């Protein structure tokens, strides 16, 4: 009788330890690295040509608004283009002080792109 109690007690402790360590191991799995902050996939220094879109530098009547700027933004999603221009505007790469939301919207719309909903250039 005592051997049955001892055997049952041993089995109980074995199950208890097994379930404790099995559950603890599931929480030890490595977590995926955090996503990097979004950034511009283009060389933002080249975006100085986008000042032409605003009609502030070297504008020639009858020419499309800075095809060079739009060419740089070509192939980018709206969010990527907005990020690139935001970086250029904040770094004053366009060479002028600008109202950021208005300038960003004007340049993007001239290149058939839109400011993504909720996007803020900060």
Protein backbone atom coordinates (compact mmCIF):
# COMPACT_ATOMS: atom_id res chain seq x y z
CA UNK A 1 0.00 0.00 0.00
CA UNK A 2 2.80 2.37 0.89
CA UNK A 3 4.52 1.57 -2.39
CA UNK A 4 1.37 2.58 -4.32
CA UNK A 5 1.23 5.90 -2.47
CA UNK A 6 4.91 6.46 -3.10
CA UNK A 7 4.50 5.56 -6.78
CA UNK A 8 1.46 7.88 -7.13
CA UNK A 9 3.32 10.68 -5.37
CA UNK A 10 6.33 10.20 -7.66
CA UNK A 11 4.07 10.23 -10.74
CA UNK A 12 2.31 13.38 -9.50
CA UNK A 13 5.61 15.23 -9.01
CA UNK A 14 6.90 14.04 -12.38
CA UNK A 15 3.81 15.39 -14.17
CA UNK A 16 3.95 18.61 -12.18
CA UNK A 17 7.61 19.28 -13.03
CA UNK A 18 7.14 18.25 -16.64
CA UNK A 19 4.20 20.61 -17.19
CA UNK A 20 5.98 23.45 -15.39
CA UNK A 21 9.13 23.24 -17.50
CA UNK A 22 7.26 22.61 -20.75
CA UNK A 23 5.16 25.74 -20.22
CA UNK A 24 8.22 27.76 -19.21
CA UNK A 25 10.08 26.74 -22.38
CA UNK A 26 7.33 28.10 -24.61
CA UNK A 27 7.88 31.58 -23.17
CA UNK A 28 11.64 31.30 -23.83
CA UNK A 29 11.31 31.25 -27.61
CA UNK A 30 13.23 34.10 -29.25
CA UNK A 31 11.11 37.07 -30.25
CA UNK A 32 11.42 38.43 -33.77
CA UNK A 33 13.46 41.63 -34.03
CA UNK A 34 11.44 44.84 -34.10
CA UNK A 35 10.69 46.33 -37.50
CA UNK A 36 13.10 49.07 -38.50
CA UNK A 37 11.61 52.53 -38.81
CA UNK A 38 10.57 53.34 -42.35
CA UNK A 39 13.14 55.22 -44.36
CA UNK A 40 13.67 56.59 -47.84
CA UNK A 41 15.02 54.04 -50.33
CA UNK A 42 16.44 56.82 -52.52
CA UNK A 43 19.38 59.21 -52.14
CA UNK A 44 17.65 62.19 -50.55
CA UNK A 45 20.43 64.56 -51.65
CA UNK A 46 19.17 64.23 -55.22
CA UNK A 47 15.73 65.48 -54.19
CA UNK A 48 16.93 69.09 -54.28
CA UNK A 49 15.60 69.18 -57.84
CA UNK A 50 12.09 68.98 -56.38
CA UNK A 51 12.21 72.70 -55.54
CA UNK A 52 11.37 73.26 -59.23
CA UNK A 53 7.95 71.70 -58.65
CA UNK A 54 7.11 74.50 -56.23
CA UNK A 55 7.90 77.11 -58.88
CA UNK A 56 10.67 78.64 -56.81
CA UNK A 57 13.81 77.79 -58.77
CA UNK A 58 14.64 77.77 -62.49
CA UNK A 59 11.09 77.54 -63.77
CA UNK A 60 10.55 77.77 -67.52
CA UNK A 61 6.98 78.44 -68.65
CA UNK A 62 5.49 75.56 -70.62
CA UNK A 63 7.73 72.83 -69.22
CA UNK A 64 6.38 70.05 -67.04
CA UNK A 65 6.90 70.64 -63.33
CA UNK A 66 10.26 69.07 -62.66
CA UNK A 67 10.28 65.80 -64.49
CA UNK A 68 13.60 65.19 -62.74
CA UNK A 69 11.86 65.21 -59.35
CA UNK A 70 9.08 62.91 -60.53
CA UNK A 71 11.65 60.60 -62.10
CA UNK A 72 13.32 60.23 -58.70
CA UNK A 73 9.99 59.39 -57.09
CA UNK A 74 8.93 57.02 -59.87
CA UNK A 75 8.49 53.45 -58.72
CA UNK A 76 8.02 54.45 -55.09
CA UNK A 77 4.80 53.87 -53.21
CA UNK A 78 3.06 57.00 -51.93
CA UNK A 79 4.37 56.39 -48.40
CA UNK A 80 7.95 55.95 -49.58
CA UNK A 81 7.78 59.08 -51.73
CA UNK A 82 6.31 61.06 -48.82
CA UNK A 83 9.08 59.81 -46.52
CA UNK A 84 11.77 60.79 -49.01
CA UNK A 85 10.37 64.27 -49.54
CA UNK A 86 9.79 64.75 -45.83
CA UNK A 87 13.43 63.89 -45.16
CA UNK A 88 14.59 66.30 -47.87
CA UNK A 89 12.36 69.12 -46.66
CA UNK A 90 13.36 68.70 -43.01
CA UNK A 91 17.05 68.62 -43.94
CA UNK A 92 16.49 71.79 -46.00
CA UNK A 93 17.89 70.01 -49.07
CA UNK A 94 15.59 72.03 -51.27
CA UNK A 95 17.46 75.15 -50.18
CA UNK A 96 14.40 77.08 -48.98
CA UNK A 97 12.23 77.33 -45.89
CA UNK A 98 8.89 75.72 -46.60
CA UNK A 99 5.52 75.01 -45.07
CA UNK A 100 6.08 71.27 -44.80
CA UNK A 101 2.52 69.89 -45.20
CA UNK A 102 1.68 72.20 -48.12
CA UNK A 103 5.01 71.69 -49.90
CA UNK A 104 4.86 67.94 -49.45
CA UNK A 105 1.33 67.78 -50.84
CA UNK A 106 2.17 70.02 -53.83
CA UNK A 107 5.24 68.04 -54.83
CA UNK A 108 3.52 64.67 -54.46
CA UNK A 109 0.44 65.72 -56.41
CA UNK A 110 2.63 67.14 -59.21
CA UNK A 111 4.10 63.65 -59.53
CA UNK A 112 0.69 61.90 -59.46
CA UNK A 113 1.17 60.71 -55.89
CA UNK A 114 -0.82 61.39 -52.74
CA UNK A 115 0.03 62.08 -49.13
CA UNK A 116 -0.97 58.83 -47.36
CA UNK A 117 -3.89 59.22 -44.94
CA UNK A 118 -2.60 60.03 -41.46
CA UNK A 119 0.96 60.72 -42.66
CA UNK A 120 2.69 63.48 -40.74
CA UNK A 121 6.09 64.85 -41.63
CA UNK A 122 7.63 65.41 -38.21
